[in-house]
Protein backbone atom coordinates (compact mmCIF):
# COMPACT_ATOMS: atom_id res chain seq x y z
CA MET A 1 6.34 19.41 17.40
CA ARG A 2 8.69 16.33 17.32
CA ALA A 3 9.34 14.64 14.02
CA ILE A 4 11.72 12.09 12.72
CA ALA A 5 14.56 13.49 10.29
CA GLY A 6 17.75 12.16 9.00
CA THR A 7 19.01 9.87 6.00
CA ASP A 8 21.83 7.72 7.11
CA GLN A 9 20.68 7.74 10.78
CA LEU A 10 17.31 8.76 11.72
CA SER A 11 16.74 11.20 14.90
CA VAL A 12 14.06 12.89 16.55
CA VAL A 13 13.95 16.81 15.89
CA THR A 14 11.79 19.82 16.82
CA LEU A 15 9.92 21.38 13.76
CA PRO A 16 7.25 24.00 13.72
CA ASP A 17 3.53 22.98 14.06
CA PRO A 18 1.98 22.79 10.44
CA GLU A 19 -0.87 25.08 9.71
CA PRO A 20 -3.79 23.98 7.43
CA GLY A 21 -3.93 25.39 3.86
CA PRO A 22 -7.39 26.54 2.75
CA HIS A 23 -8.25 22.73 1.62
CA GLU A 24 -6.09 20.98 4.23
CA VAL A 25 -6.74 19.46 7.61
CA VAL A 26 -4.05 19.04 10.49
CA ILE A 27 -4.04 15.86 12.15
CA ASP A 28 -2.63 15.04 15.44
CA VAL A 29 -0.91 11.92 14.71
CA VAL A 30 -1.53 8.72 16.79
CA ALA A 31 0.41 6.38 14.61
CA ALA A 32 2.21 6.32 11.15
CA GLY A 33 2.56 3.54 8.70
CA VAL A 34 6.33 2.42 7.82
CA ASN A 35 6.66 1.64 3.97
CA ARG A 36 9.32 0.56 1.72
CA ALA A 37 9.26 3.74 -0.13
CA ASP A 38 10.60 5.48 3.28
CA LEU A 39 13.73 3.10 3.00
CA LEU A 40 14.09 4.19 -0.68
CA GLN A 41 13.80 7.73 0.23
CA ARG A 42 16.66 7.39 2.89
CA LYS A 43 19.03 6.22 0.03
CA GLY A 44 17.96 9.01 -2.58
CA LEU A 45 16.05 6.72 -4.71
CA TYR A 46 12.45 7.97 -4.01
CA PRO A 47 12.29 11.89 -3.41
CA PRO A 48 9.08 13.25 -2.49
CA PRO A 49 7.00 14.95 -5.08
CA PRO A 50 7.47 18.82 -5.71
CA GLY A 51 5.95 20.83 -2.69
CA ALA A 52 5.74 17.96 -0.56
CA VAL A 53 7.57 17.98 2.75
CA ASP A 54 10.89 15.85 3.05
CA THR A 55 9.90 14.22 6.52
CA LEU A 56 9.50 10.64 5.88
CA GLY A 57 5.81 8.86 6.15
CA LEU A 58 3.26 8.26 3.74
CA GLU A 59 0.02 7.49 5.97
CA VAL A 60 -1.07 8.40 9.33
CA SER A 61 -4.13 7.79 11.77
CA GLY A 62 -4.94 10.43 14.42
CA ARG A 63 -7.69 12.91 15.29
CA ILE A 64 -8.38 16.12 13.16
CA ALA A 65 -6.94 19.09 15.09
CA ALA A 66 -7.67 22.04 12.63
CA LEU A 67 -9.40 22.65 9.38
CA GLY A 68 -8.82 24.90 6.40
CA GLU A 69 -11.15 27.49 5.67
CA HIS A 70 -12.56 25.68 2.60
CA VAL A 71 -12.84 22.22 4.28
CA SER A 72 -16.15 20.75 4.53
CA GLY A 73 -17.43 17.28 5.76
CA TRP A 74 -14.91 17.05 8.39
CA LYS A 75 -14.75 18.51 12.02
CA VAL A 76 -12.22 18.72 14.98
CA GLY A 77 -11.93 15.55 16.74
CA ASP A 78 -12.91 13.20 14.00
CA GLU A 79 -10.99 10.12 14.05
CA VAL A 80 -9.36 9.45 10.85
CA CYS A 81 -6.48 8.03 8.69
CA ALA A 82 -4.97 9.49 5.58
CA LEU A 83 -2.58 9.17 2.75
CA LEU A 84 0.31 11.53 2.47
CA ALA A 85 2.91 12.66 0.16
CA GLY A 86 5.22 12.76 3.10
CA GLY A 87 5.56 14.11 6.63
CA GLY A 88 4.01 11.34 8.70
CA TYR A 89 6.63 10.44 11.18
CA ALA A 90 5.57 13.38 13.28
CA GLU A 91 3.19 14.43 16.13
CA LYS A 92 1.08 16.56 13.56
CA VAL A 93 0.72 16.79 9.88
CA ALA A 94 -1.25 18.91 7.29
CA VAL A 95 -2.91 16.94 4.56
CA PRO A 96 -5.49 17.72 1.75
CA ALA A 97 -8.83 17.07 3.06
CA VAL A 98 -9.41 14.89 -0.07
CA GLN A 99 -6.94 12.39 1.09
CA VAL A 100 -8.35 11.62 4.66
CA LEU A 101 -10.52 8.61 5.19
CA PRO A 102 -12.77 8.02 8.34
CA LYS A 103 -11.32 5.43 10.98
CA PRO A 104 -13.43 2.36 9.87
CA THR A 105 -15.83 1.09 12.82
CA ALA A 106 -14.17 -2.20 13.29
CA VAL A 107 -10.71 -1.06 13.55
CA ASP A 108 -8.79 0.71 16.42
CA LEU A 109 -7.19 4.12 15.84
CA VAL A 110 -3.57 2.73 15.72
CA SER A 111 -4.22 -0.17 13.63
CA ALA A 112 -6.01 2.28 10.91
CA ALA A 113 -2.34 3.61 10.20
CA ALA A 114 -1.83 0.44 8.48
CA LEU A 115 -4.73 1.18 5.96
CA PRO A 116 -4.18 4.14 3.62
CA GLU A 117 -1.37 3.20 1.53
CA VAL A 118 -2.25 -0.63 1.13
CA ALA A 119 -5.85 -0.11 0.61
CA CYS A 120 -5.35 2.84 -1.92
CA THR A 121 -2.54 0.80 -3.69
CA VAL A 122 -5.06 -2.19 -3.97
CA ALA A 123 -8.13 -0.34 -5.03
CA SER A 124 -6.37 1.65 -7.70
CA ASN A 125 -4.41 -1.13 -8.92
CA VAL A 126 -6.21 -4.52 -8.52
CA PHE A 127 -9.71 -3.01 -9.19
CA ASP A 128 -9.29 0.51 -11.39
CA ALA A 129 -6.39 -0.68 -13.29
CA GLY A 130 -6.56 -4.48 -13.25
CA HIS A 131 -10.50 -4.82 -13.32
CA LEU A 132 -10.46 -7.98 -10.97
CA ALA A 133 -13.88 -9.47 -11.18
CA SER A 134 -15.57 -12.38 -9.16
CA GLY A 135 -14.28 -15.87 -10.18
CA GLU A 136 -11.12 -14.51 -11.55
CA LEU A 137 -7.44 -15.59 -10.49
CA LEU A 138 -5.35 -12.78 -8.81
CA LEU A 139 -1.65 -13.54 -8.41
CA ILE A 140 0.01 -11.44 -5.78
CA HIS A 141 3.69 -11.51 -5.51
CA GLY A 142 4.93 -11.04 -1.81
CA GLY A 143 1.57 -12.15 -0.41
CA SER A 144 2.69 -11.69 3.11
CA SER A 145 3.51 -7.82 2.79
CA GLY A 146 1.32 -5.13 4.10
CA ILE A 147 -0.11 -4.77 0.31
CA GLY A 148 -0.33 -8.47 -0.06
CA THR A 149 -2.21 -9.35 3.07
CA HIS A 150 -4.55 -6.68 2.31
CA ALA A 151 -5.03 -7.63 -1.30
CA ILE A 152 -5.53 -11.35 -0.36
CA GLN A 153 -8.51 -10.17 1.98
CA VAL A 154 -10.23 -7.97 -0.38
CA ALA A 155 -10.09 -10.12 -3.46
CA HIS A 156 -11.30 -12.97 -1.45
CA ALA A 157 -13.98 -10.89 -0.23
CA ILE A 158 -15.40 -10.01 -3.80
CA GLY A 159 -15.14 -13.76 -4.78
CA ALA A 160 -11.94 -13.79 -6.62
CA ARG A 161 -9.52 -16.59 -6.34
CA VAL A 162 -6.08 -15.68 -4.87
CA ALA A 163 -2.60 -17.03 -5.53
CA VAL A 164 0.38 -15.81 -3.58
CA THR A 165 4.25 -16.00 -3.56
CA ALA A 166 6.26 -15.84 -0.52
CA ARG A 167 9.70 -17.37 0.82
CA THR A 168 8.69 -19.15 3.94
CA ALA A 169 6.06 -21.82 5.14
CA GLN A 170 5.21 -19.25 7.97
CA LYS A 171 4.16 -16.78 5.51
CA LEU A 172 2.43 -19.02 3.35
CA ASP A 173 0.35 -20.23 6.12
CA ARG A 174 -0.54 -16.70 7.00
CA CYS A 175 -1.72 -16.17 3.49
CA ARG A 176 -3.84 -19.21 3.47
CA GLU A 177 -5.65 -17.94 6.74
CA LEU A 178 -6.47 -14.63 4.94
CA GLY A 179 -8.04 -16.44 2.09
CA ALA A 180 -5.37 -17.37 -0.57
CA GLU A 181 -5.91 -20.71 -2.10
CA VAL A 182 -2.84 -21.26 -4.24
CA LEU A 183 0.55 -20.99 -2.33
CA ILE A 184 3.85 -20.76 -4.09
CA ASN A 185 7.26 -20.74 -2.07
CA TYR A 186 9.18 -18.97 -4.72
CA ALA A 187 12.41 -20.49 -3.45
CA ASP A 188 11.46 -23.72 -4.33
CA ASP A 189 8.87 -23.68 -7.01
CA ASP A 190 8.21 -22.18 -10.44
CA PHE A 191 5.43 -19.96 -10.01
CA VAL A 192 4.74 -19.79 -13.64
CA ASP A 193 4.03 -23.55 -13.93
CA ILE A 194 1.83 -23.57 -11.03
CA ILE A 195 -0.28 -20.72 -12.26
CA ARG A 196 -0.74 -22.21 -15.66
CA GLU A 197 -1.83 -25.44 -14.13
CA CYS A 198 -4.63 -23.28 -12.55
CA GLY A 199 -5.53 -21.69 -15.86
CA GLY A 200 -3.49 -18.67 -15.87
CA ALA A 201 -3.70 -15.63 -13.84
CA ASP A 202 -6.35 -12.93 -14.81
CA VAL A 203 -4.50 -10.18 -12.84
CA ILE A 204 -1.16 -10.04 -11.31
CA LEU A 205 -0.02 -7.57 -8.72
CA ASP A 206 3.78 -7.38 -9.06
CA ILE A 207 6.39 -5.60 -7.03
CA MET A 208 9.56 -6.87 -8.66
CA GLY A 209 9.43 -5.30 -12.05
CA ALA A 210 12.06 -6.42 -14.47
CA LYS A 211 13.05 -9.69 -12.83
CA TYR A 212 9.54 -11.19 -13.29
CA LEU A 213 8.38 -9.51 -16.31
CA GLU A 214 8.88 -12.42 -18.84
CA GLN A 215 7.79 -15.15 -16.21
CA ASN A 216 4.75 -12.84 -15.50
CA VAL A 217 3.64 -12.66 -19.11
CA ARG A 218 3.97 -16.51 -19.37
CA ALA A 219 1.78 -16.82 -16.38
CA LEU A 220 -0.96 -14.50 -17.70
CA ASN A 221 -4.42 -15.92 -18.94
CA THR A 222 -5.65 -14.78 -22.22
CA GLY A 223 -6.79 -11.27 -21.48
CA GLY A 224 -4.71 -10.99 -18.52
CA ARG A 225 -3.53 -7.87 -16.72
CA LEU A 226 -0.17 -7.30 -15.45
CA VAL A 227 -0.04 -4.33 -12.97
CA ILE A 228 3.57 -3.48 -11.78
CA ILE A 229 3.50 -1.29 -8.69
CA GLY A 230 7.32 -1.81 -7.68
CA MET A 231 10.86 -2.22 -9.04
CA GLN A 232 12.45 -4.70 -6.42
CA GLY A 233 13.91 -6.57 -9.20
CA GLY A 234 15.14 -3.95 -11.53
CA THR A 235 13.97 -1.45 -14.02
CA LYS A 236 14.84 -2.91 -17.48
CA ALA A 237 13.97 -6.02 -19.11
CA GLU A 238 12.96 -7.49 -22.55
CA LEU A 239 9.39 -8.09 -23.37
CA SER A 240 8.09 -10.41 -26.09
CA ILE A 241 5.51 -8.46 -27.72
CA ALA A 242 4.33 -11.76 -29.66
CA ALA A 243 3.70 -13.26 -26.42
CA LEU A 244 1.54 -10.18 -25.28
CA MET A 245 -0.50 -10.07 -28.52
CA THR A 246 -1.16 -13.79 -28.66
CA LYS A 247 -2.77 -13.43 -25.22
CA ARG A 248 -4.31 -10.01 -25.82
CA ALA A 249 -2.67 -8.99 -22.52
CA SER A 250 -1.96 -5.90 -20.83
CA VAL A 251 1.03 -4.53 -18.79
CA ILE A 252 0.23 -1.69 -16.71
CA GLY A 253 2.78 0.41 -14.52
CA THR A 254 1.49 2.62 -12.04
CA THR A 255 2.53 4.92 -8.96
CA LEU A 256 0.64 6.57 -6.17
CA ARG A 257 2.85 9.15 -4.53
CA SER A 258 3.42 11.23 -7.72
CA ARG A 259 -0.10 11.59 -8.66
CA PRO A 260 -1.81 14.92 -8.33
CA VAL A 261 -3.95 15.78 -5.29
CA THR A 262 -7.17 16.49 -7.47
CA GLY A 263 -8.38 16.03 -10.91
CA SER A 264 -8.10 13.12 -13.45
CA ASN A 265 -6.26 10.09 -12.08
CA SER A 266 -5.59 12.10 -8.83
CA LYS A 267 -5.16 10.80 -5.34
CA ALA A 268 -8.52 12.26 -4.52
CA GLU A 269 -9.99 9.72 -7.04
CA VAL A 270 -8.03 6.86 -5.59
CA VAL A 271 -9.19 7.74 -1.98
CA ALA A 272 -12.92 7.96 -3.43
CA THR A 273 -12.53 4.68 -4.87
CA THR A 274 -11.03 3.18 -1.79
CA ARG A 275 -13.67 4.39 0.26
CA ARG A 276 -16.25 3.10 -1.99
CA ILE A 277 -14.88 -0.38 -2.65
CA THR A 278 -12.87 -1.03 0.52
CA TRP A 279 -14.23 0.96 3.41
CA PRO A 280 -17.82 -1.17 3.71
CA LEU A 281 -15.61 -4.56 4.15
CA LEU A 282 -13.63 -2.83 6.89
CA ASP A 283 -16.44 -1.30 8.65
CA SER A 284 -18.09 -4.76 8.77
CA GLY A 285 -14.68 -6.38 10.06
CA GLU A 286 -14.70 -8.61 6.91
CA VAL A 287 -11.13 -7.11 6.09
CA LEU A 288 -8.90 -6.14 8.78
CA PRO A 289 -5.44 -4.28 8.92
CA ILE A 290 -2.69 -6.74 9.23
CA VAL A 291 0.00 -5.39 11.63
CA ASP A 292 3.27 -7.06 12.09
CA SER A 293 4.64 -4.94 14.99
CA THR A 294 4.68 -1.43 16.51
CA PHE A 295 7.68 0.71 17.53
CA GLY A 296 7.48 4.15 19.15
CA LEU A 297 8.41 7.00 16.96
CA ALA A 298 11.99 7.48 18.55
CA ASP A 299 12.62 3.88 17.44
CA ALA A 300 11.92 4.51 13.72
CA GLU A 301 15.35 3.18 12.94
CA ALA A 302 14.52 -0.19 14.40
CA ALA A 303 11.11 -0.18 12.44
CA HIS A 304 13.18 0.36 9.12
CA ALA A 305 15.51 -2.56 10.14
CA ARG A 306 12.50 -4.72 10.94
CA LEU A 307 10.88 -3.99 7.50
CA ASP A 308 14.35 -4.34 5.79
CA SER A 309 14.71 -7.64 7.07
CA GLY A 310 11.95 -9.25 4.91
CA ASP A 311 10.70 -11.11 8.04
CA ALA A 312 7.52 -8.99 8.69
CA ILE A 313 4.11 -10.40 7.94
CA GLY A 314 1.79 -7.26 7.28
CA LYS A 315 2.32 -3.77 8.21
CA ILE A 316 4.88 -2.05 10.71
CA LEU A 317 3.77 1.08 12.51
CA LEU A 318 5.28 3.80 14.51
CA THR A 319 3.18 4.96 17.41
CA VAL A 320 3.31 8.78 18.75
CA ASN A 321 2.69 9.24 22.39
């Protein structure tokens, strides 16, 4: 099979076709999602977990081509998408069956590749960790990202209020179209002042980490939950314990890729939660994948450049022909 390999430069290589383990399926890949984690892995900053292949790619869509001997509930030919620990930039991939999701009814098979990472990230962090409820205010940093555009739609669908930060009017306009009501251009405005005028954020989904830690805590409502899922703004910062205690607030840090496949707090649990919370909204068309652009598998380098530019709105995909 063809796959993409490399660090400084990406290139097409030929690898053996994967065989399914007893609890795995093999997927004939139609499309793969491009994620910032792929860029970090190329730089040696986000290695795959032990036992995972080192080929890039954390999510795919396609058709099941083979089943492991202990797999049930799926059949060859099923159209699916899947959350991976790696290996998605390829024509075929083996994945634990518990990490596979059915293609939503209202979504085409290529666009389904935009869903597993963002949907699982939002379900596990905004709902499982952040416990967002109807009527509460969710602040999303990077509202025009793949995660942001998905989180806006899901939060809006369950009756939450949504605030976003982004750096251009175009991005903020798109966030408004998806359901965000508080729009903050972080290049010009102080998001803390604006959020506090709105009564404070009940949940903050943060990709920045250290850079925004003190501001995020100030922006929280009493009982608020800050969920940190990225470190684009650094890894170390001072935290006022007094401010946290006064607000009876929580700071939660999570990852997805390094979770075990099964067991407590596993990928299997996250996928099951995502299917329960998000998939009905996708099946009905109330929530849709937001795709910025698609590139052929051999153009993975250009796809990475597009993501690295910061200009994308929504997800970037690689298609496998």
